[in-house]
Amino acid sequence: MKKTIITVVGKDTVGIIARVCTYLANNRVNILDISQTIVQDYFNMMMIVDANKSEKKFSQLADELAELGETIGVQIKMQSEDIFKAMHRI
C-alpha cells in the first residue's frame, strides 16, 4: 500500500474537517491516521491516507483538494509518503 500525506493549514472556521473528510469518502480515500490542532485561530491538520481504491489519479485528487482548500479558505496539499519523507529528512 502506498501511503499519502495530506496537510491542511489556514484560519480556523466551522466545517473544515467535515468538508475534507466528505471529499475523501466520496472518492474512496481511506483515512489511516489523522492529527489536528488549533493554535490561537489557526487550524493545522495532517492525515495519512490510502488512495489506492480511488478511481481518480493522484494528480486529480491533489488538484481537487487544492481547489477545495481555496473554496473553504485553507491550503490543502497532497504528497506521496516517499516525497514527504524526503522533504522532511534532516
PDB file of N, CA and C in Angstrom:
ATOM      1  N   MET A   1       0.833  -1.176   0.000  1.00  0.00           N
ATOM      2  CA  MET A   1       0.000   0.000   0.000  1.00  0.00           C
ATOM      3  C   MET A   1       0.881   1.244   0.000  1.00  0.00           C
ATOM      4  N   LYS A   2       0.610   2.139  -0.922  1.00  0.00           N
ATOM      5  CA  LYS A   2       1.287   3.430  -0.960  1.00  0.00           C
ATOM      6  C   LYS A   2       0.506   4.409  -0.104  1.00  0.00           C
ATOM      7  N   LYS A   3       1.169   4.991   0.863  1.00  0.00           N
ATOM      8  CA  LYS A   3       0.514   5.967   1.724  1.00  0.00           C
ATOM      9  C   LYS A   3       0.700   7.369   1.153  1.00  0.00           C
ATOM     10  N   THR A   4      -0.257   8.223   1.466  1.00  0.00           N
ATOM     11  CA  THR A   4      -0.246   9.596   1.003  1.00  0.00           C
ATOM     12  C   THR A   4      -0.443  10.510   2.206  1.00  0.00           C
ATOM     13  N   ILE A   5       0.247  11.655   2.194  1.00  0.00           N
ATOM     14  CA  ILE A   5       0.145  12.627   3.269  1.00  0.00           C
ATOM     15  C   ILE A   5      -0.667  13.823   2.768  1.00  0.00           C
ATOM     16  N   ILE A   6      -1.666  14.213   3.546  1.00  0.00           N
ATOM     17  CA  ILE A   6      -2.463  15.394   3.239  1.00  0.00           C
ATOM     18  C   ILE A   6      -2.297  16.363   4.395  1.00  0.00           C
ATOM     19  N   THR A   7      -1.951  17.621   4.074  1.00  0.00           N
ATOM     20  CA  THR A   7      -1.856  18.650   5.096  1.00  0.00           C
ATOM     21  C   THR A   7      -2.871  19.745   4.790  1.00  0.00           C
ATOM     22  N   VAL A   8      -3.464  20.270   5.859  1.00  0.00           N
ATOM     23  CA  VAL A   8      -4.463  21.329   5.745  1.00  0.00           C
ATOM     24  C   VAL A   8      -4.077  22.417   6.746  1.00  0.00           C
ATOM     25  N   VAL A   9      -3.855  23.638   6.253  1.00  0.00           N
ATOM     26  CA  VAL A   9      -3.424  24.736   7.106  1.00  0.00           C
ATOM     27  C   VAL A   9      -4.191  25.996   6.744  1.00  0.00           C
ATOM     28  N   GLY A  10      -4.636  26.738   7.754  1.00  0.00           N
ATOM     29  CA  GLY A  10      -5.292  28.005   7.488  1.00  0.00           C
ATOM     30  C   GLY A  10      -6.044  28.527   8.693  1.00  0.00           C
ATOM     31  N   LYS A  11      -6.723  29.617   8.494  1.00  0.00           N
ATOM     32  CA  LYS A  11      -7.546  30.233   9.550  1.00  0.00           C
ATOM     33  C   LYS A  11      -8.677  29.265   9.904  1.00  0.00           C
ATOM     34  N   ASP A  12      -8.896  29.066  11.197  1.00  0.00           N
ATOM     35  CA  ASP A  12      -9.919  28.121  11.635  1.00  0.00           C
ATOM     36  C   ASP A  12     -11.317  28.629  11.301  1.00  0.00           C
ATOM     37  N   THR A  13     -12.147  27.722  10.851  1.00  0.00           N
ATOM     38  CA  THR A  13     -13.543  28.014  10.579  1.00  0.00           C
ATOM     39  C   THR A  13     -14.355  26.728  10.731  1.00  0.00           C
ATOM     40  N   VAL A  14     -15.633  26.860  10.877  1.00  0.00           N
ATOM     41  CA  VAL A  14     -16.515  25.703  11.043  1.00  0.00           C
ATOM     42  C   VAL A  14     -16.534  24.860   9.759  1.00  0.00           C
ATOM     43  N   GLY A  15     -16.395  23.552   9.901  1.00  0.00           N
ATOM     44  CA  GLY A  15     -16.612  22.633   8.792  1.00  0.00           C
ATOM     45  C   GLY A  15     -15.405  22.197   7.995  1.00  0.00           C
ATOM     46  N   ILE A  16     -14.200  22.621   8.372  1.00  0.00           N
ATOM     47  CA  ILE A  16     -13.012  22.232   7.590  1.00  0.00           C
ATOM     48  C   ILE A  16     -12.871  20.717   7.557  1.00  0.00           C
ATOM     49  N   ILE A  17     -12.873  20.092   8.722  1.00  0.00           N
ATOM     50  CA  ILE A  17     -12.690  18.638   8.783  1.00  0.00           C
ATOM     51  C   ILE A  17     -13.817  17.932   8.038  1.00  0.00           C
ATOM     52  N   ALA A  18     -15.032  18.384   8.232  1.00  0.00           N
ATOM     53  CA  ALA A  18     -16.178  17.749   7.568  1.00  0.00           C
ATOM     54  C   ALA A  18     -16.052  17.825   6.051  1.00  0.00           C
ATOM     55  N   ARG A  19     -15.677  18.975   5.526  1.00  0.00           N
ATOM     56  CA  ARG A  19     -15.579  19.130   4.065  1.00  0.00           C
ATOM     57  C   ARG A  19     -14.472  18.252   3.484  1.00  0.00           C
ATOM     58  N   VAL A  20     -13.308  18.238   4.140  1.00  0.00           N
ATOM     59  CA  VAL A  20     -12.183  17.431   3.640  1.00  0.00           C
ATOM     60  C   VAL A  20     -12.516  15.942   3.738  1.00  0.00           C
ATOM     61  N   CYS A  21     -13.043  15.513   4.875  1.00  0.00           N
ATOM     62  CA  CYS A  21     -13.363  14.092   5.058  1.00  0.00           C
ATOM     63  C   CYS A  21     -14.486  13.636   4.132  1.00  0.00           C
ATOM     64  N   THR A  22     -15.449  14.484   3.873  1.00  0.00           N
ATOM     65  CA  THR A  22     -16.527  14.142   2.937  1.00  0.00           C
ATOM     66  C   THR A  22     -15.963  13.954   1.537  1.00  0.00           C
ATOM     67  N   TYR A  23     -15.069  14.863   1.112  1.00  0.00           N
ATOM     68  CA  TYR A  23     -14.438  14.718  -0.205  1.00  0.00           C
ATOM     69  C   TYR A  23     -13.692  13.389  -0.286  1.00  0.00           C
ATOM     70  N   LEU A  24     -12.905  13.078   0.740  1.00  0.00           N
ATOM     71  CA  LEU A  24     -12.120  11.835   0.727  1.00  0.00           C
ATOM     72  C   LEU A  24     -13.035  10.617   0.671  1.00  0.00           C
ATOM     73  N   ALA A  25     -14.081  10.600   1.479  1.00  0.00           N
ATOM     74  CA  ALA A  25     -15.012   9.466   1.492  1.00  0.00           C
ATOM     75  C   ALA A  25     -15.693   9.300   0.137  1.00  0.00           C
ATOM     76  N   ASN A  26     -16.108  10.401  -0.468  1.00  0.00           N
ATOM     77  CA  ASN A  26     -16.765  10.338  -1.770  1.00  0.00           C
ATOM     78  C   ASN A  26     -15.849   9.825  -2.874  1.00  0.00           C
ATOM     79  N   ASN A  27     -14.538   9.904  -2.645  1.00  0.00           N
ATOM     80  CA  ASN A  27     -13.570   9.465  -3.643  1.00  0.00           C
ATOM     81  C   ASN A  27     -12.824   8.207  -3.216  1.00  0.00           C
ATOM     82  N   ARG A  28     -13.391   7.487  -2.246  1.00  0.00           N
ATOM     83  CA  ARG A  28     -12.867   6.194  -1.794  1.00  0.00           C
ATOM     84  C   ARG A  28     -11.425   6.271  -1.304  1.00  0.00           C
ATOM     85  N   VAL A  29     -11.117   7.356  -0.611  1.00  0.00           N
ATOM     86  CA  VAL A  29      -9.804   7.532   0.003  1.00  0.00           C
ATOM     87  C   VAL A  29      -9.966   7.235   1.498  1.00  0.00           C
ATOM     88  N   ASN A  30      -9.221   6.257   1.993  1.00  0.00           N
ATOM     89  CA  ASN A  30      -9.340   5.809   3.371  1.00  0.00           C
ATOM     90  C   ASN A  30      -8.367   6.565   4.277  1.00  0.00           C
ATOM     91  N   ILE A  31      -8.873   7.126   5.363  1.00  0.00           N
ATOM     92  CA  ILE A  31      -8.032   7.818   6.335  1.00  0.00           C
ATOM     93  C   ILE A  31      -7.437   6.776   7.276  1.00  0.00           C
ATOM     94  N   LEU A  32      -6.106   6.714   7.314  1.00  0.00           N
ATOM     95  CA  LEU A  32      -5.405   5.755   8.168  1.00  0.00           C
ATOM     96  C   LEU A  32      -5.045   6.366   9.516  1.00  0.00           C
ATOM     97  N   ASP A  33      -4.700   7.647   9.499  1.00  0.00           N
ATOM     98  CA  ASP A  33      -4.341   8.346  10.726  1.00  0.00           C
ATOM     99  C   ASP A  33      -4.617   9.828  10.519  1.00  0.00           C
ATOM    100  N   ILE A  34      -4.965  10.518  11.589  1.00  0.00           N
ATOM    101  CA  ILE A  34      -5.298  11.930  11.480  1.00  0.00           C
ATOM    102  C   ILE A  34      -4.899  12.639  12.766  1.00  0.00           C
ATOM    103  N   SER A  35      -4.351  13.823  12.605  1.00  0.00           N
ATOM    104  CA  SER A  35      -3.996  14.662  13.740  1.00  0.00           C
ATOM    105  C   SER A  35      -4.373  16.085  13.378  1.00  0.00           C
ATOM    106  N   GLN A  36      -5.018  16.769  14.300  1.00  0.00           N
ATOM    107  CA  GLN A  36      -5.371  18.166  14.032  1.00  0.00           C
ATOM    108  C   GLN A  36      -5.207  18.970  15.307  1.00  0.00           C
ATOM    109  N   THR A  37      -4.853  20.224  15.106  1.00  0.00           N
ATOM    110  CA  THR A  37      -4.697  21.120  16.241  1.00  0.00           C
ATOM    111  C   THR A  37      -5.089  22.522  15.819  1.00  0.00           C
ATOM    112  N   ILE A  38      -5.463  23.316  16.803  1.00  0.00           N
ATOM    113  CA  ILE A  38      -5.750  24.720  16.566  1.00  0.00           C
ATOM    114  C   ILE A  38      -4.853  25.513  17.508  1.00  0.00           C
ATOM    115  N   VAL A  39      -4.041  26.381  16.939  1.00  0.00           N
ATOM    116  CA  VAL A  39      -3.172  27.251  17.708  1.00  0.00           C
ATOM    117  C   VAL A  39      -3.684  28.663  17.500  1.00  0.00           C
ATOM    118  N   GLN A  40      -4.182  29.256  18.585  1.00  0.00           N
ATOM    119  CA  GLN A  40      -4.900  30.522  18.526  1.00  0.00           C
ATOM    120  C   GLN A  40      -6.010  30.374  17.496  1.00  0.00           C
ATOM    121  N   ASP A  41      -5.982  31.092  16.397  1.00  0.00           N
ATOM    122  CA  ASP A  41      -7.059  30.996  15.405  1.00  0.00           C
ATOM    123  C   ASP A  41      -6.638  30.207  14.157  1.00  0.00           C
ATOM    124  N   TYR A  42      -5.537  29.474  14.236  1.00  0.00           N
ATOM    125  CA  TYR A  42      -5.023  28.788  13.054  1.00  0.00           C
ATOM    126  C   TYR A  42      -5.177  27.275  13.166  1.00  0.00           C
ATOM    127  N   PHE A  43      -5.740  26.712  12.120  1.00  0.00           N
ATOM    128  CA  PHE A  43      -6.049  25.284  12.040  1.00  0.00           C
ATOM    129  C   PHE A  43      -4.916  24.574  11.319  1.00  0.00           C
ATOM    130  N   ASN A  44      -4.514  23.417  11.834  1.00  0.00           N
ATOM    131  CA  ASN A  44      -3.478  22.604  11.199  1.00  0.00           C
ATOM    132  C   ASN A  44      -3.887  21.140  11.313  1.00  0.00           C
ATOM    133  N   MET A  45      -3.952  20.449  10.176  1.00  0.00           N
ATOM    134  CA  MET A  45      -4.318  19.031  10.187  1.00  0.00           C
ATOM    135  C   MET A  45      -3.370  18.269   9.271  1.00  0.00           C
ATOM    136  N   MET A  46      -2.989  17.097   9.729  1.00  0.00           N
ATOM    137  CA  MET A  46      -2.173  16.194   8.918  1.00  0.00           C
ATOM    138  C   MET A  46      -2.869  14.844   8.896  1.00  0.00           C
ATOM    139  N   MET A  47      -2.995  14.278   7.702  1.00  0.00           N
ATOM    140  CA  MET A  47      -3.650  12.980   7.548  1.00  0.00           C
ATOM    141  C   MET A  47      -2.724  12.045   6.777  1.00  0.00           C
ATOM    142  N   ILE A  48      -2.745  10.791   7.159  1.00  0.00           N
ATOM    143  CA  ILE A  48      -2.109   9.747   6.362  1.00  0.00           C
ATOM    144  C   ILE A  48      -3.262   8.945   5.779  1.00  0.00           C
ATOM    145  N   VAL A  49      -3.278   8.829   4.461  1.00  0.00           N
ATOM    146  CA  VAL A  49      -4.403   8.184   3.787  1.00  0.00           C
ATOM    147  C   VAL A  49      -3.920   7.125   2.802  1.00  0.00           C
ATOM    148  N   ASP A  50      -4.855   6.268   2.431  1.00  0.00           N
ATOM    149  CA  ASP A  50      -4.640   5.269   1.389  1.00  0.00           C
ATOM    150  C   ASP A  50      -5.601   5.596   0.252  1.00  0.00           C
ATOM    151  N   ALA A  51      -5.053   6.024  -0.877  1.00  0.00           N
ATOM    152  CA  ALA A  51      -5.879   6.426  -2.023  1.00  0.00           C
ATOM    153  C   ALA A  51      -5.910   5.361  -3.112  1.00  0.00           C
ATOM    154  N   ASN A  52      -5.459   4.160  -2.816  1.00  0.00           N
ATOM    155  CA  ASN A  52      -5.363   3.108  -3.835  1.00  0.00           C
ATOM    156  C   ASN A  52      -6.707   2.693  -4.424  1.00  0.00           C
ATOM    157  N   LYS A  53      -7.791   2.839  -3.679  1.00  0.00           N
ATOM    158  CA  LYS A  53      -9.094   2.407  -4.186  1.00  0.00           C
ATOM    159  C   LYS A  53      -9.841   3.512  -4.932  1.00  0.00           C
ATOM    160  N   SER A  54      -9.279   4.697  -4.941  1.00  0.00           N
ATOM    161  CA  SER A  54      -9.923   5.798  -5.657  1.00  0.00           C
ATOM    162  C   SER A  54      -9.829   5.557  -7.157  1.00  0.00           C
ATOM    163  N   GLU A  55     -10.876   5.937  -7.866  1.00  0.00           N
ATOM    164  CA  GLU A  55     -10.870   5.811  -9.320  1.00  0.00           C
ATOM    165  C   GLU A  55     -10.125   6.970  -9.979  1.00  0.00           C
ATOM    166  N   LYS A  56      -9.827   8.006  -9.204  1.00  0.00           N
ATOM    167  CA  LYS A  56      -9.134   9.176  -9.742  1.00  0.00           C
ATOM    168  C   LYS A  56      -7.630   9.012  -9.590  1.00  0.00           C
ATOM    169  N   LYS A  57      -6.897   9.633 -10.495  1.00  0.00           N
ATOM    170  CA  LYS A  57      -5.441   9.634 -10.417  1.00  0.00           C
ATOM    171  C   LYS A  57      -5.002  10.540  -9.276  1.00  0.00           C
ATOM    172  N   PHE A  58      -3.798  10.281  -8.776  1.00  0.00           N
ATOM    173  CA  PHE A  58      -3.222  11.062  -7.689  1.00  0.00           C
ATOM    174  C   PHE A  58      -3.264  12.558  -8.011  1.00  0.00           C
ATOM    175  N   SER A  59      -2.842  12.919  -9.208  1.00  0.00           N
ATOM    176  CA  SER A  59      -2.779  14.338  -9.582  1.00  0.00           C
ATOM    177  C   SER A  59      -4.158  14.993  -9.569  1.00  0.00           C
ATOM    178  N   GLN A  60      -5.181  14.263  -9.974  1.00  0.00           N
ATOM    179  CA  GLN A  60      -6.534  14.813  -9.969  1.00  0.00           C
ATOM    180  C   GLN A  60      -7.024  15.016  -8.534  1.00  0.00           C
ATOM    181  N   LEU A  61      -6.768  14.039  -7.662  1.00  0.00           N
ATOM    182  CA  LEU A  61      -7.137  14.186  -6.256  1.00  0.00           C
ATOM    183  C   LEU A  61      -6.436  15.396  -5.638  1.00  0.00           C
ATOM    184  N   ALA A  62      -5.135  15.523  -5.906  1.00  0.00           N
ATOM    185  CA  ALA A  62      -4.363  16.636  -5.347  1.00  0.00           C
ATOM    186  C   ALA A  62      -4.900  17.978  -5.835  1.00  0.00           C
ATOM    187  N   ASP A  63      -5.209  18.075  -7.133  1.00  0.00           N
ATOM    188  CA  ASP A  63      -5.741  19.323  -7.694  1.00  0.00           C
ATOM    189  C   ASP A  63      -7.103  19.658  -7.102  1.00  0.00           C
ATOM    190  N   GLU A  64      -7.962  18.660  -6.986  1.00  0.00           N
ATOM    191  CA  GLU A  64      -9.308  18.893  -6.451  1.00  0.00           C
ATOM    192  C   GLU A  64      -9.263  19.267  -4.969  1.00  0.00           C
ATOM    193  N   LEU A  65      -8.339  18.661  -4.217  1.00  0.00           N
ATOM    194  CA  LEU A  65      -8.192  19.036  -2.814  1.00  0.00           C
ATOM    195  C   LEU A  65      -7.690  20.478  -2.687  1.00  0.00           C
ATOM    196  N   ALA A  66      -6.753  20.861  -3.545  1.00  0.00           N
ATOM    197  CA  ALA A  66      -6.261  22.246  -3.533  1.00  0.00           C
ATOM    198  C   ALA A  66      -7.403  23.217  -3.841  1.00  0.00           C
ATOM    199  N   GLU A  67      -8.247  22.861  -4.808  1.00  0.00           N
ATOM    200  CA  GLU A  67      -9.406  23.702  -5.148  1.00  0.00           C
ATOM    201  C   GLU A  67     -10.383  23.774  -3.977  1.00  0.00           C
ATOM    202  N   LEU A  68     -10.614  22.653  -3.323  1.00  0.00           N
ATOM    203  CA  LEU A  68     -11.487  22.631  -2.150  1.00  0.00           C
ATOM    204  C   LEU A  68     -10.930  23.565  -1.080  1.00  0.00           C
ATOM    205  N   GLY A  69      -9.622  23.507  -0.880  1.00  0.00           N
ATOM    206  CA  GLY A  69      -8.979  24.376   0.099  1.00  0.00           C
ATOM    207  C   GLY A  69      -9.224  25.849  -0.202  1.00  0.00           C
ATOM    208  N   GLU A  70      -9.106  26.224  -1.464  1.00  0.00           N
ATOM    209  CA  GLU A  70      -9.368  27.611  -1.857  1.00  0.00           C
ATOM    210  C   GLU A  70     -10.812  27.993  -1.537  1.00  0.00           C
ATOM    211  N   THR A  71     -11.722  27.064  -1.776  1.00  0.00           N
ATOM    212  CA  THR A  71     -13.140  27.319  -1.520  1.00  0.00           C
ATOM    213  C   THR A  71     -13.415  27.562  -0.042  1.00  0.00           C
ATOM    214  N   ILE A  72     -12.751  26.822   0.834  1.00  0.00           N
ATOM    215  CA  ILE A  72     -13.032  26.949   2.272  1.00  0.00           C
ATOM    216  C   ILE A  72     -11.998  27.806   3.001  1.00  0.00           C
ATOM    217  N   GLY A  73     -11.038  28.382   2.280  1.00  0.00           N
ATOM    218  CA  GLY A  73     -10.101  29.332   2.873  1.00  0.00           C
ATOM    219  C   GLY A  73      -8.905  28.738   3.581  1.00  0.00           C
ATOM    220  N   VAL A  74      -8.491  27.535   3.168  1.00  0.00           N
ATOM    221  CA  VAL A  74      -7.293  26.909   3.731  1.00  0.00           C
ATOM    222  C   VAL A  74      -6.410  26.414   2.586  1.00  0.00           C
ATOM    223  N   GLN A  75      -5.202  26.033   2.931  1.00  0.00           N
ATOM    224  CA  GLN A  75      -4.299  25.456   1.938  1.00  0.00           C
ATOM    225  C   GLN A  75      -4.250  23.945   2.170  1.00  0.00           C
ATOM    226  N   ILE A  76      -4.549  23.175   1.120  1.00  0.00           N
ATOM    227  CA  ILE A  76      -4.510  21.716   1.220  1.00  0.00           C
ATOM    228  C   ILE A  76      -3.469  21.196   0.239  1.00  0.00           C
ATOM    229  N   LYS A  77      -2.531  20.404   0.770  1.00  0.00           N
ATOM    230  CA  LYS A  77      -1.500  19.795  -0.070  1.00  0.00           C
ATOM    231  C   LYS A  77      -1.549  18.283   0.102  1.00  0.00           C
ATOM    232  N   MET A  78      -1.337  17.594  -1.002  1.00  0.00           N
ATOM    233  CA  MET A  78      -1.323  16.123  -1.004  1.00  0.00           C
ATOM    234  C   MET A  78       0.009  15.686  -1.598  1.00  0.00           C
ATOM    235  N   GLN A  79       0.737  14.838  -0.863  1.00  0.00           N
ATOM    236  CA  GLN A  79       2.043  14.360  -1.318  1.00  0.00           C
ATOM    237  C   GLN A  79       2.165  12.869  -1.052  1.00  0.00           C
ATOM    238  N   SER A  80       2.936  12.199  -1.895  1.00  0.00           N
ATOM    239  CA  SER A  80       3.194  10.789  -1.610  1.00  0.00           C
ATOM    240  C   SER A  80       4.067  10.711  -0.359  1.00  0.00           C
ATOM    241  N   GLU A  81       3.947   9.640   0.380  1.00  0.00           N
ATOM    242  CA  GLU A  81       4.717   9.472   1.610  1.00  0.00           C
ATOM    243  C   GLU A  81       6.218   9.537   1.328  1.00  0.00           C
ATOM    244  N   ASP A  82       6.663   8.961   0.218  1.00  0.00           N
ATOM    245  CA  ASP A  82       8.091   8.957  -0.114  1.00  0.00           C
ATOM    246  C   ASP A  82       8.620  10.378  -0.287  1.00  0.00           C
ATOM    247  N   ILE A  83       7.879  11.217  -1.000  1.00  0.00           N
ATOM    248  CA  ILE A  83       8.303  12.595  -1.216  1.00  0.00           C
ATOM    249  C   ILE A  83       8.253  13.372   0.098  1.00  0.00           C
ATOM    250  N   PHE A  84       7.224  13.157   0.879  1.00  0.00           N
ATOM    251  CA  PHE A  84       7.085  13.831   2.168  1.00  0.00           C
ATOM    252  C   PHE A  84       8.282  13.499   3.061  1.00  0.00           C
ATOM    253  N   LYS A  85       8.642  12.233   3.135  1.00  0.00           N
ATOM    254  CA  LYS A  85       9.780  11.818   3.960  1.00  0.00           C
ATOM    255  C   LYS A  85      11.078  12.443   3.464  1.00  0.00           C
ATOM    256  N   ALA A  86      11.273  12.451   2.152  1.00  0.00           N
ATOM    257  CA  ALA A  86      12.493  13.021   1.578  1.00  0.00           C
ATOM    258  C   ALA A  86      12.603  14.512   1.880  1.00  0.00           C
ATOM    259  N   MET A  87      11.492  15.209   1.830  1.00  0.00           N
ATOM    260  CA  MET A  87      11.482  16.651   2.065  1.00  0.00           C
ATOM    261  C   MET A  87      11.717  16.981   3.539  1.00  0.00           C
ATOM    262  N   HIS A  88      11.372  16.086   4.443  1.00  0.00           N
ATOM    263  CA  HIS A  88      11.460  16.373   5.863  1.00  0.00           C
ATOM    264  C   HIS A  88      12.581  15.599   6.559  1.00  0.00           C
ATOM    265  N   ARG A  89      13.501  15.087   5.778  1.00  0.00           N
ATOM    266  CA  ARG A  89      14.629  14.370   6.348  1.00  0.00           C
ATOM    267  C   ARG A  89      15.723  15.371   6.704  1.00  0.00           C
ATOM    268  N   ILE A  90      16.341  15.171   7.838  1.00  0.00           N
ATOM    269  CA  ILE A  90      17.418  16.083   8.255  1.00  0.00           C
ATOM    270  C   ILE A  90      18.750  15.469   7.926  1.00  0.00           C
TER     271      ILE A  90
END
